[in-house]
N, C-alpha and C. Protein backbone atom coordinates (compact mmCIF):
# COMPACT_ATOMS: atom_id res chain seq x y z
N UNK A 1 -27.02 45.97 -0.92
CA UNK A 1 -28.48 46.04 -1.11
C UNK A 1 -28.83 46.99 -2.27
N UNK A 2 -27.97 47.92 -2.74
CA UNK A 2 -28.32 48.76 -3.80
C UNK A 2 -27.87 48.29 -5.22
N UNK A 3 -27.32 47.06 -5.30
CA UNK A 3 -26.99 46.57 -6.57
C UNK A 3 -28.22 45.87 -7.15
N UNK A 4 -29.15 45.52 -6.37
CA UNK A 4 -30.48 44.99 -6.82
C UNK A 4 -31.61 45.81 -6.34
N UNK A 5 -32.74 45.68 -6.92
CA UNK A 5 -33.86 46.51 -6.63
C UNK A 5 -34.47 46.40 -5.22
N UNK A 6 -33.58 46.26 -4.24
CA UNK A 6 -34.12 46.22 -2.87
C UNK A 6 -34.16 47.51 -2.20
N UNK A 7 -33.35 48.49 -2.62
CA UNK A 7 -33.48 49.80 -2.09
C UNK A 7 -32.17 50.41 -1.62
N UNK A 8 -31.36 49.68 -0.86
CA UNK A 8 -30.13 50.17 -0.32
C UNK A 8 -29.74 49.65 0.99
N UNK A 9 -28.61 49.98 1.46
CA UNK A 9 -28.14 49.65 2.82
C UNK A 9 -27.96 50.97 3.57
N UNK A 10 -27.68 50.85 4.77
CA UNK A 10 -27.50 52.06 5.60
C UNK A 10 -26.11 52.68 5.25
N UNK A 11 -26.09 53.76 4.47
CA UNK A 11 -24.92 54.34 4.11
C UNK A 11 -24.30 55.29 5.19
N UNK A 12 -25.07 55.61 6.18
CA UNK A 12 -24.67 56.43 7.33
C UNK A 12 -23.64 55.68 8.24
N UNK A 13 -23.74 54.36 8.28
CA UNK A 13 -22.82 53.62 9.07
C UNK A 13 -21.33 53.81 8.60
N UNK A 14 -21.12 53.47 7.32
CA UNK A 14 -19.68 53.66 6.92
C UNK A 14 -19.24 55.21 6.86
N UNK A 15 -20.28 56.00 6.59
CA UNK A 15 -19.91 57.49 6.57
C UNK A 15 -19.46 57.94 7.97
N UNK A 16 -20.22 57.45 8.99
CA UNK A 16 -19.86 57.92 10.32
C UNK A 16 -18.51 57.43 10.82
N UNK A 17 -18.06 56.27 10.13
CA UNK A 17 -16.68 55.75 10.50
C UNK A 17 -15.62 56.33 9.63
N UNK A 18 -16.08 57.32 8.78
CA UNK A 18 -15.08 57.94 7.91
C UNK A 18 -14.50 57.07 6.78
N UNK A 19 -15.48 56.24 6.28
CA UNK A 19 -15.00 55.31 5.08
C UNK A 19 -15.67 55.80 3.79
N UNK A 20 -14.96 55.59 2.67
CA UNK A 20 -15.49 55.89 1.44
C UNK A 20 -16.73 54.87 1.09
N UNK A 21 -17.70 55.46 0.40
CA UNK A 21 -18.91 54.56 0.20
C UNK A 21 -19.15 54.28 -1.33
N UNK A 22 -19.47 53.06 -1.61
CA UNK A 22 -19.85 52.72 -2.98
C UNK A 22 -21.30 52.26 -2.92
N UNK A 23 -22.07 52.78 -3.80
CA UNK A 23 -23.50 52.29 -3.85
C UNK A 23 -23.80 51.90 -5.32
N UNK A 24 -24.91 51.02 -5.46
CA UNK A 24 -25.29 50.66 -6.78
C UNK A 24 -26.42 51.56 -7.21
N UNK A 25 -27.11 51.20 -8.28
CA UNK A 25 -28.13 52.12 -8.95
C UNK A 25 -29.45 52.03 -8.18
N UNK A 26 -29.67 51.21 -7.28
CA UNK A 26 -30.94 51.08 -6.54
C UNK A 26 -30.79 51.64 -5.02
N UNK A 27 -30.50 52.84 -4.84
CA UNK A 27 -30.42 53.45 -3.55
C UNK A 27 -31.58 54.37 -3.20
N UNK A 28 -32.75 53.91 -3.70
CA UNK A 28 -33.99 54.76 -3.43
C UNK A 28 -34.44 54.87 -1.95
N UNK A 29 -34.07 53.91 -1.19
CA UNK A 29 -34.47 54.03 0.23
C UNK A 29 -33.66 55.10 1.08
N UNK A 30 -32.51 55.43 0.46
CA UNK A 30 -31.69 56.46 1.04
C UNK A 30 -31.29 57.52 0.14
N UNK A 31 -32.20 57.78 -0.82
CA UNK A 31 -31.76 58.70 -1.95
C UNK A 31 -31.22 60.00 -1.56
N UNK A 32 -31.80 60.70 -0.61
CA UNK A 32 -31.43 61.94 -0.13
C UNK A 32 -29.99 61.92 0.47
N UNK A 33 -29.79 60.96 1.32
CA UNK A 33 -28.46 60.88 1.97
C UNK A 33 -27.46 60.43 0.89
N UNK A 34 -27.72 59.59 -0.05
CA UNK A 34 -26.82 59.20 -1.14
C UNK A 34 -26.47 60.46 -1.97
N UNK A 35 -27.54 61.20 -2.35
CA UNK A 35 -27.27 62.38 -3.11
C UNK A 35 -26.37 63.34 -2.49
N UNK A 36 -26.56 63.57 -1.08
CA UNK A 36 -25.62 64.38 -0.43
C UNK A 36 -24.22 63.95 -0.38
N UNK A 37 -24.02 62.57 -0.17
CA UNK A 37 -22.73 61.95 -0.23
C UNK A 37 -22.06 62.06 -1.51
N UNK A 38 -22.84 61.88 -2.52
CA UNK A 38 -22.28 61.98 -3.94
C UNK A 38 -21.83 63.51 -4.21
N UNK A 39 -22.58 64.44 -3.70
CA UNK A 39 -22.25 65.83 -3.96
C UNK A 39 -21.05 66.18 -3.15
N UNK A 40 -20.79 65.56 -2.11
CA UNK A 40 -19.68 65.84 -1.14
C UNK A 40 -18.43 64.99 -1.66
N UNK A 41 -18.59 64.21 -2.72
CA UNK A 41 -17.53 63.33 -3.19
C UNK A 41 -17.07 62.33 -2.11
N UNK A 42 -18.04 61.88 -1.31
CA UNK A 42 -17.72 60.97 -0.27
C UNK A 42 -18.21 59.51 -0.73
N UNK A 43 -18.84 59.51 -1.84
CA UNK A 43 -19.58 58.32 -2.35
C UNK A 43 -19.46 58.19 -3.86
N UNK A 44 -19.38 56.92 -4.33
CA UNK A 44 -19.39 56.74 -5.78
C UNK A 44 -20.42 55.76 -6.11
N UNK A 45 -21.17 56.04 -7.14
CA UNK A 45 -22.18 55.14 -7.54
C UNK A 45 -21.80 54.32 -8.76
N UNK A 46 -22.01 53.05 -8.67
CA UNK A 46 -21.67 52.07 -9.74
C UNK A 46 -22.89 51.50 -10.30
N UNK A 47 -22.80 50.99 -11.54
CA UNK A 47 -24.09 50.52 -12.10
C UNK A 47 -24.25 48.92 -11.99
N UNK A 48 -23.27 48.24 -11.54
CA UNK A 48 -23.37 46.82 -11.39
C UNK A 48 -22.07 46.19 -10.80
N UNK A 49 -22.11 44.91 -10.76
CA UNK A 49 -21.03 44.16 -10.05
C UNK A 49 -19.67 44.40 -10.73
N UNK A 50 -19.68 44.38 -12.13
CA UNK A 50 -18.37 44.59 -12.78
C UNK A 50 -17.83 46.06 -12.44
N UNK A 51 -18.64 47.04 -12.45
CA UNK A 51 -18.22 48.33 -12.14
C UNK A 51 -17.79 48.38 -10.70
N UNK A 52 -18.45 47.71 -9.81
CA UNK A 52 -18.19 47.73 -8.39
C UNK A 52 -16.74 47.15 -8.17
N UNK A 53 -16.42 46.07 -8.85
CA UNK A 53 -15.06 45.51 -8.70
C UNK A 53 -14.01 46.47 -9.03
N UNK A 54 -14.29 47.09 -10.18
CA UNK A 54 -13.29 48.18 -10.61
C UNK A 54 -13.08 49.31 -9.60
N UNK A 55 -14.31 49.67 -9.00
CA UNK A 55 -14.21 50.88 -8.12
C UNK A 55 -13.46 50.49 -6.81
N UNK A 56 -13.70 49.21 -6.38
CA UNK A 56 -13.02 48.76 -5.13
C UNK A 56 -11.51 48.62 -5.45
N UNK A 57 -11.12 48.17 -6.54
CA UNK A 57 -9.84 48.15 -7.00
C UNK A 57 -9.16 49.49 -7.00
N UNK A 58 -9.77 50.38 -7.61
CA UNK A 58 -9.28 51.86 -7.74
C UNK A 58 -9.12 52.40 -6.29
N UNK A 59 -10.06 52.14 -5.43
CA UNK A 59 -9.96 52.73 -4.15
C UNK A 59 -8.86 52.11 -3.33
N UNK A 60 -8.60 50.80 -3.56
CA UNK A 60 -7.55 50.08 -2.92
C UNK A 60 -6.17 50.59 -3.40
N UNK A 61 -6.15 51.06 -4.58
CA UNK A 61 -4.85 51.50 -5.18
C UNK A 61 -4.65 53.05 -5.03
N UNK A 62 -5.69 53.72 -4.50
CA UNK A 62 -5.67 55.27 -4.35
C UNK A 62 -5.90 55.61 -2.95
N UNK A 63 -4.91 55.42 -2.05
CA UNK A 63 -5.16 55.69 -0.67
C UNK A 63 -5.55 57.09 -0.40
N UNK A 64 -4.95 58.07 -1.11
CA UNK A 64 -5.39 59.51 -0.86
C UNK A 64 -6.79 59.77 -1.21
N UNK A 65 -7.25 59.21 -2.34
CA UNK A 65 -8.72 59.42 -2.74
C UNK A 65 -9.60 58.68 -1.65
N UNK A 66 -9.18 57.55 -1.32
CA UNK A 66 -9.92 56.78 -0.30
C UNK A 66 -10.03 57.61 0.95
N UNK A 67 -8.99 58.21 1.48
CA UNK A 67 -9.02 59.04 2.66
C UNK A 67 -9.77 60.27 2.52
N UNK A 68 -9.66 60.92 1.36
CA UNK A 68 -10.42 62.12 1.08
C UNK A 68 -11.98 61.84 1.07
N UNK A 69 -12.37 60.77 0.52
CA UNK A 69 -13.78 60.39 0.45
C UNK A 69 -14.27 60.03 1.93
N UNK A 70 -13.41 59.42 2.61
CA UNK A 70 -13.82 59.06 3.97
C UNK A 70 -13.89 60.26 4.84
N UNK A 71 -13.02 61.23 4.72
CA UNK A 71 -13.10 62.50 5.49
C UNK A 71 -14.38 63.27 5.14
N UNK A 72 -14.69 63.24 3.85
CA UNK A 72 -15.87 64.03 3.33
C UNK A 72 -17.17 63.35 3.91
N UNK A 73 -17.13 62.06 3.97
CA UNK A 73 -18.30 61.34 4.56
C UNK A 73 -18.44 61.61 5.99
N UNK A 74 -17.42 61.57 6.80
CA UNK A 74 -17.45 61.91 8.23
C UNK A 74 -17.82 63.35 8.45
N UNK A 75 -17.40 64.32 7.62
CA UNK A 75 -17.80 65.72 7.71
C UNK A 75 -19.28 65.84 7.59
N UNK A 76 -19.79 65.17 6.58
CA UNK A 76 -21.21 65.24 6.21
C UNK A 76 -22.07 64.70 7.43
N UNK A 77 -21.65 63.61 7.99
CA UNK A 77 -22.38 63.08 9.20
C UNK A 77 -22.36 64.08 10.35
N UNK A 78 -21.12 64.50 10.59
CA UNK A 78 -20.95 65.53 11.75
C UNK A 78 -21.76 66.74 11.50
N UNK A 79 -21.76 67.25 10.26
CA UNK A 79 -22.53 68.52 10.00
C UNK A 79 -24.07 68.32 10.18
N UNK A 80 -24.54 67.12 10.10
CA UNK A 80 -25.89 66.85 10.29
C UNK A 80 -26.35 66.22 11.63
N UNK A 81 -25.32 66.00 12.48
CA UNK A 81 -25.56 65.46 13.75
C UNK A 81 -26.53 66.35 14.58
N UNK A 82 -27.53 65.79 15.24
CA UNK A 82 -28.42 66.50 16.03
C UNK A 82 -29.62 67.05 15.22
N UNK A 83 -29.70 66.82 13.96
CA UNK A 83 -30.77 67.30 13.19
C UNK A 83 -32.11 66.74 13.63
N UNK A 84 -32.06 65.55 14.08
CA UNK A 84 -33.33 64.91 14.65
C UNK A 84 -33.92 65.63 15.86
N UNK A 85 -33.00 66.17 16.68
CA UNK A 85 -33.45 66.89 17.82
C UNK A 85 -34.17 68.21 17.42
N UNK A 86 -33.55 68.84 16.27
CA UNK A 86 -34.16 70.05 15.81
C UNK A 86 -35.45 69.83 15.15
N UNK A 87 -35.64 68.72 14.42
CA UNK A 87 -36.98 68.47 13.76
C UNK A 87 -37.97 68.26 14.88
N UNK A 88 -37.57 67.48 15.92
CA UNK A 88 -38.58 67.10 17.02
C UNK A 88 -38.97 68.37 17.67
N UNK A 89 -38.03 69.28 17.99
CA UNK A 89 -38.38 70.53 18.59
C UNK A 89 -39.28 71.42 17.84
N UNK A 90 -39.08 71.39 16.49
CA UNK A 90 -39.90 72.22 15.57
C UNK A 90 -41.37 71.61 15.58
N UNK A 91 -41.45 70.35 15.47
CA UNK A 91 -42.75 69.69 15.47
C UNK A 91 -43.51 69.97 16.86
N UNK A 92 -42.83 69.88 17.88
CA UNK A 92 -43.31 70.11 19.28
C UNK A 92 -43.79 71.51 19.37
N UNK A 93 -43.01 72.54 18.79
CA UNK A 93 -43.44 73.93 18.81
C UNK A 93 -44.70 74.11 18.04
N UNK A 94 -44.85 73.47 16.88
CA UNK A 94 -46.03 73.60 16.08
C UNK A 94 -47.17 72.96 16.74
N UNK A 95 -46.97 71.85 17.38
CA UNK A 95 -48.19 71.26 18.09
C UNK A 95 -48.62 72.07 19.32
N UNK A 96 -47.68 72.80 19.95
CA UNK A 96 -47.96 73.57 21.07
C UNK A 96 -48.74 74.80 20.64
N UNK A 97 -48.53 75.24 19.44
CA UNK A 97 -49.27 76.44 18.89
C UNK A 97 -50.72 76.09 18.55
N UNK A 98 -51.06 74.78 18.43
CA UNK A 98 -52.37 74.37 18.12
C UNK A 98 -52.65 74.42 16.55
N UNK A 99 -53.84 74.01 16.17
CA UNK A 99 -54.12 74.02 14.73
C UNK A 99 -54.19 75.40 14.13
N UNK A 100 -53.84 75.50 12.89
CA UNK A 100 -53.96 76.82 12.24
C UNK A 100 -55.39 77.30 12.26
N UNK A 101 -55.60 78.57 12.41
CA UNK A 101 -56.86 79.23 12.39
C UNK A 101 -57.33 79.46 11.04
N UNK A 102 -58.64 79.19 10.76
CA UNK A 102 -59.21 79.43 9.47
C UNK A 102 -59.49 80.92 9.38
N UNK A 103 -59.30 81.52 8.12
CA UNK A 103 -59.45 82.92 8.03
C UNK A 103 -60.71 83.18 7.15
């Protein structure tokens, strides 16, 4: 999905399985997650189909790099597990406090 201007695919699915991730230039629907994966060296961004083929070939030939990327992806998912519960709790806390008072 990210090789064409459709936006992206769910990069958290392969990350949660400890797999290395390849994305194209159109990952705007998951930009924040993709940026975190790129920063963690769990993901590689390619510019098109030709570069994708080369990246897949390199990963197939480099099992240590493939494993390292996969571990980094799984760590990122694990480090952020439960963040949805935290956000919900914060929203509920602010709603319970009521609207801000004008000064």
